Amino acid sequence: MSKEATVRARVEAKLKADVEKLFKKVGLSTTEAITLFYRQVKMRNGLPFDVVVPNETTEKVLKETDAGKNLVRCDDSDEMFERLGL
């Protein structure tokens, strides 16, 4: 199938660079990654991932952790599970 359509999008330069590094790690060009995304949308008749809006509690926690507040640091997974009571 010939490729005759063009997709253009403006994104943040750092986001583009970071994502293209990840594409390179998995052996994809940007064009291949976009084509893969389009094919998945077509196959699923929708986005290939859930799009959700965080509730108030989740949004509060995200803002706090982004600000470095209320963080609990553990040395390893055993300590984390112990602190969680699991």
N, C-alpha and C. Protein backbone atom coordinates (compact mmCIF):
# COMPACT_ATOMS: atom_id res chain seq x y z
N MET A 1 0.85 -1.16 0.00
CA MET A 1 0.00 0.00 0.00
C MET A 1 0.90 1.23 0.00
N SER A 2 0.65 2.18 -0.89
CA SER A 2 1.51 3.35 -0.97
C SER A 2 1.17 4.35 0.12
N LYS A 3 2.20 5.01 0.57
CA LYS A 3 2.02 6.03 1.61
C LYS A 3 1.94 7.38 0.93
N GLU A 4 0.74 7.95 0.94
CA GLU A 4 0.57 9.21 0.24
C GLU A 4 -0.02 10.32 1.10
N ALA A 5 -0.34 10.03 2.35
CA ALA A 5 -0.89 11.04 3.24
C ALA A 5 0.18 11.46 4.25
N THR A 6 0.09 12.70 4.70
CA THR A 6 1.04 13.24 5.66
C THR A 6 0.32 13.62 6.95
N VAL A 7 0.96 13.32 8.07
CA VAL A 7 0.45 13.71 9.38
C VAL A 7 1.44 14.72 9.95
N ARG A 8 0.93 15.87 10.39
CA ARG A 8 1.79 16.88 11.00
C ARG A 8 1.24 17.23 12.37
N ALA A 9 2.13 17.33 13.33
CA ALA A 9 1.72 17.70 14.68
C ALA A 9 2.84 18.49 15.34
N ARG A 10 2.47 19.43 16.17
CA ARG A 10 3.46 20.21 16.93
C ARG A 10 3.45 19.68 18.36
N VAL A 11 4.65 19.34 18.85
CA VAL A 11 4.80 18.84 20.21
C VAL A 11 6.00 19.54 20.86
N GLU A 12 6.09 19.44 22.17
CA GLU A 12 7.23 20.01 22.88
C GLU A 12 8.51 19.31 22.43
N ALA A 13 9.58 20.08 22.25
CA ALA A 13 10.84 19.53 21.75
C ALA A 13 11.40 18.43 22.65
N LYS A 14 11.35 18.64 23.98
CA LYS A 14 11.89 17.63 24.90
C LYS A 14 11.06 16.35 24.85
N LEU A 15 9.75 16.49 24.79
CA LEU A 15 8.88 15.32 24.69
C LEU A 15 9.23 14.53 23.43
N LYS A 16 9.36 15.22 22.32
CA LYS A 16 9.70 14.57 21.04
C LYS A 16 11.03 13.83 21.15
N ALA A 17 12.05 14.49 21.69
CA ALA A 17 13.37 13.87 21.82
C ALA A 17 13.33 12.64 22.73
N ASP A 18 12.66 12.77 23.88
CA ASP A 18 12.57 11.65 24.82
C ASP A 18 11.86 10.46 24.20
N VAL A 19 10.75 10.71 23.52
CA VAL A 19 9.96 9.63 22.93
C VAL A 19 10.72 8.98 21.77
N GLU A 20 11.40 9.79 20.97
CA GLU A 20 12.15 9.22 19.85
C GLU A 20 13.30 8.33 20.34
N LYS A 21 13.88 8.65 21.50
CA LYS A 21 14.90 7.76 22.08
C LYS A 21 14.28 6.41 22.43
N LEU A 22 13.05 6.44 22.99
CA LEU A 22 12.37 5.18 23.32
C LEU A 22 12.03 4.40 22.06
N PHE A 23 11.56 5.10 21.03
CA PHE A 23 11.27 4.41 19.76
C PHE A 23 12.52 3.71 19.24
N LYS A 24 13.66 4.42 19.30
CA LYS A 24 14.91 3.85 18.80
C LYS A 24 15.28 2.59 19.57
N LYS A 25 15.05 2.60 20.90
CA LYS A 25 15.37 1.42 21.73
C LYS A 25 14.59 0.20 21.29
N VAL A 26 13.35 0.40 20.83
CA VAL A 26 12.54 -0.75 20.42
C VAL A 26 12.56 -0.94 18.90
N GLY A 27 13.41 -0.18 18.21
CA GLY A 27 13.60 -0.39 16.78
C GLY A 27 12.52 0.22 15.89
N LEU A 28 11.88 1.28 16.36
CA LEU A 28 10.84 1.92 15.56
C LEU A 28 11.25 3.32 15.15
N SER A 29 10.91 3.69 13.94
CA SER A 29 11.04 5.09 13.54
C SER A 29 9.78 5.80 14.02
N THR A 30 9.80 7.11 14.00
CA THR A 30 8.61 7.87 14.38
C THR A 30 7.45 7.53 13.44
N THR A 31 7.73 7.43 12.16
CA THR A 31 6.68 7.08 11.19
C THR A 31 6.08 5.72 11.50
N GLU A 32 6.93 4.74 11.81
CA GLU A 32 6.43 3.40 12.14
C GLU A 32 5.59 3.42 13.42
N ALA A 33 6.01 4.20 14.41
CA ALA A 33 5.26 4.28 15.66
C ALA A 33 3.89 4.92 15.43
N ILE A 34 3.84 5.97 14.63
CA ILE A 34 2.56 6.62 14.33
C ILE A 34 1.67 5.66 13.55
N THR A 35 2.24 4.95 12.59
CA THR A 35 1.47 3.98 11.82
C THR A 35 0.92 2.88 12.73
N LEU A 36 1.74 2.41 13.66
CA LEU A 36 1.31 1.39 14.62
C LEU A 36 0.14 1.91 15.45
N PHE A 37 0.25 3.14 15.93
CA PHE A 37 -0.83 3.75 16.69
C PHE A 37 -2.10 3.83 15.86
N TYR A 38 -2.01 4.32 14.63
CA TYR A 38 -3.18 4.42 13.75
C TYR A 38 -3.81 3.05 13.52
N ARG A 39 -2.97 2.03 13.27
CA ARG A 39 -3.51 0.68 13.03
C ARG A 39 -4.25 0.15 14.26
N GLN A 40 -3.71 0.40 15.45
CA GLN A 40 -4.36 -0.04 16.68
C GLN A 40 -5.70 0.68 16.87
N VAL A 41 -5.73 1.97 16.59
CA VAL A 41 -6.99 2.73 16.70
C VAL A 41 -8.02 2.14 15.75
N LYS A 42 -7.59 1.83 14.52
CA LYS A 42 -8.51 1.27 13.53
C LYS A 42 -9.00 -0.11 13.97
N MET A 43 -8.08 -0.98 14.43
CA MET A 43 -8.45 -2.34 14.84
C MET A 43 -9.40 -2.34 16.03
N ARG A 44 -9.18 -1.43 16.97
CA ARG A 44 -9.99 -1.40 18.20
C ARG A 44 -11.20 -0.49 18.08
N ASN A 45 -11.26 0.22 16.96
CA ASN A 45 -12.34 1.20 16.76
C ASN A 45 -12.37 2.22 17.90
N GLY A 46 -11.19 2.61 18.34
CA GLY A 46 -11.05 3.58 19.43
C GLY A 46 -9.60 3.62 19.88
N LEU A 47 -9.32 4.39 20.89
CA LEU A 47 -7.95 4.49 21.39
C LEU A 47 -7.50 3.16 21.99
N PRO A 48 -6.22 2.82 21.80
CA PRO A 48 -5.72 1.54 22.31
C PRO A 48 -5.31 1.59 23.78
N PHE A 49 -5.83 2.56 24.52
CA PHE A 49 -5.55 2.68 25.94
C PHE A 49 -6.70 3.46 26.57
N ASP A 50 -6.85 3.32 27.88
CA ASP A 50 -7.90 4.05 28.58
C ASP A 50 -7.50 5.50 28.77
N VAL A 51 -8.45 6.39 28.57
CA VAL A 51 -8.24 7.81 28.86
C VAL A 51 -9.18 8.15 30.01
N VAL A 52 -8.61 8.52 31.14
CA VAL A 52 -9.43 8.79 32.31
C VAL A 52 -9.03 10.13 32.92
N VAL A 53 -9.98 10.74 33.57
CA VAL A 53 -9.74 11.97 34.32
C VAL A 53 -9.61 11.57 35.78
N PRO A 54 -8.49 11.94 36.43
CA PRO A 54 -8.34 11.53 37.83
C PRO A 54 -9.38 12.17 38.73
N ASN A 55 -9.81 11.40 39.75
CA ASN A 55 -10.76 11.96 40.71
C ASN A 55 -10.03 12.94 41.62
N GLU A 56 -10.76 13.62 42.50
CA GLU A 56 -10.17 14.65 43.35
C GLU A 56 -9.04 14.12 44.22
N THR A 57 -9.23 12.95 44.79
CA THR A 57 -8.21 12.36 45.67
C THR A 57 -6.93 12.07 44.89
N THR A 58 -7.07 11.44 43.73
CA THR A 58 -5.91 11.12 42.91
C THR A 58 -5.20 12.39 42.46
N GLU A 59 -5.97 13.38 42.04
CA GLU A 59 -5.37 14.63 41.60
C GLU A 59 -4.60 15.31 42.73
N LYS A 60 -5.14 15.27 43.95
CA LYS A 60 -4.47 15.85 45.11
C LYS A 60 -3.15 15.12 45.38
N VAL A 61 -3.19 13.80 45.35
CA VAL A 61 -1.98 13.00 45.59
C VAL A 61 -0.93 13.27 44.52
N LEU A 62 -1.35 13.36 43.27
CA LEU A 62 -0.40 13.64 42.19
C LEU A 62 0.27 14.99 42.38
N LYS A 63 -0.50 16.00 42.75
CA LYS A 63 0.06 17.33 42.98
C LYS A 63 1.04 17.31 44.16
N GLU A 64 0.67 16.60 45.23
CA GLU A 64 1.54 16.53 46.40
C GLU A 64 2.85 15.81 46.08
N THR A 65 2.77 14.70 45.38
CA THR A 65 4.00 13.97 45.07
C THR A 65 4.87 14.75 44.08
N ASP A 66 4.25 15.45 43.14
CA ASP A 66 5.02 16.29 42.22
C ASP A 66 5.77 17.37 42.99
N ALA A 67 5.17 17.84 44.08
CA ALA A 67 5.79 18.87 44.91
C ALA A 67 6.75 18.27 45.95
N GLY A 68 6.86 16.94 45.98
CA GLY A 68 7.74 16.28 46.93
C GLY A 68 7.18 16.16 48.33
N LYS A 69 5.86 16.30 48.47
CA LYS A 69 5.22 16.23 49.78
C LYS A 69 4.63 14.84 50.02
N ASN A 70 4.59 14.46 51.31
CA ASN A 70 3.96 13.21 51.75
C ASN A 70 4.50 11.97 51.03
N LEU A 71 5.79 11.97 50.76
CA LEU A 71 6.40 10.81 50.11
C LEU A 71 6.90 9.83 51.16
N VAL A 72 6.78 8.56 50.88
CA VAL A 72 7.32 7.52 51.75
C VAL A 72 8.37 6.79 50.94
N ARG A 73 9.58 6.80 51.43
CA ARG A 73 10.68 6.16 50.70
C ARG A 73 11.03 4.83 51.39
N CYS A 74 11.26 3.83 50.58
CA CYS A 74 11.64 2.51 51.08
C CYS A 74 12.94 2.08 50.41
N ASP A 75 13.73 1.32 51.13
CA ASP A 75 14.99 0.84 50.58
C ASP A 75 14.80 -0.28 49.57
N ASP A 76 13.73 -1.05 49.74
CA ASP A 76 13.48 -2.15 48.82
C ASP A 76 12.00 -2.56 48.90
N SER A 77 11.63 -3.52 48.07
CA SER A 77 10.23 -3.93 48.01
C SER A 77 9.78 -4.59 49.32
N ASP A 78 10.69 -5.30 50.00
CA ASP A 78 10.31 -5.93 51.27
C ASP A 78 9.88 -4.88 52.29
N GLU A 79 10.65 -3.79 52.38
CA GLU A 79 10.29 -2.71 53.29
C GLU A 79 8.96 -2.07 52.89
N MET A 80 8.77 -1.90 51.59
CA MET A 80 7.53 -1.29 51.11
C MET A 80 6.32 -2.15 51.52
N PHE A 81 6.42 -3.47 51.27
CA PHE A 81 5.31 -4.35 51.61
C PHE A 81 5.08 -4.39 53.12
N GLU A 82 6.16 -4.34 53.88
CA GLU A 82 6.03 -4.33 55.34
C GLU A 82 5.29 -3.07 55.80
N ARG A 83 5.67 -1.92 55.24
CA ARG A 83 5.00 -0.67 55.61
C ARG A 83 3.53 -0.67 55.20
N LEU A 84 3.23 -1.36 54.10
CA LEU A 84 1.85 -1.45 53.64
C LEU A 84 1.06 -2.49 54.41
N GLY A 85 1.75 -3.30 55.22
CA GLY A 85 1.07 -4.33 55.99
C GLY A 85 0.72 -5.55 55.15
N LEU A 86 1.49 -5.76 54.10
CA LEU A 86 1.22 -6.91 53.22
C LEU A 86 2.25 -8.00 53.38
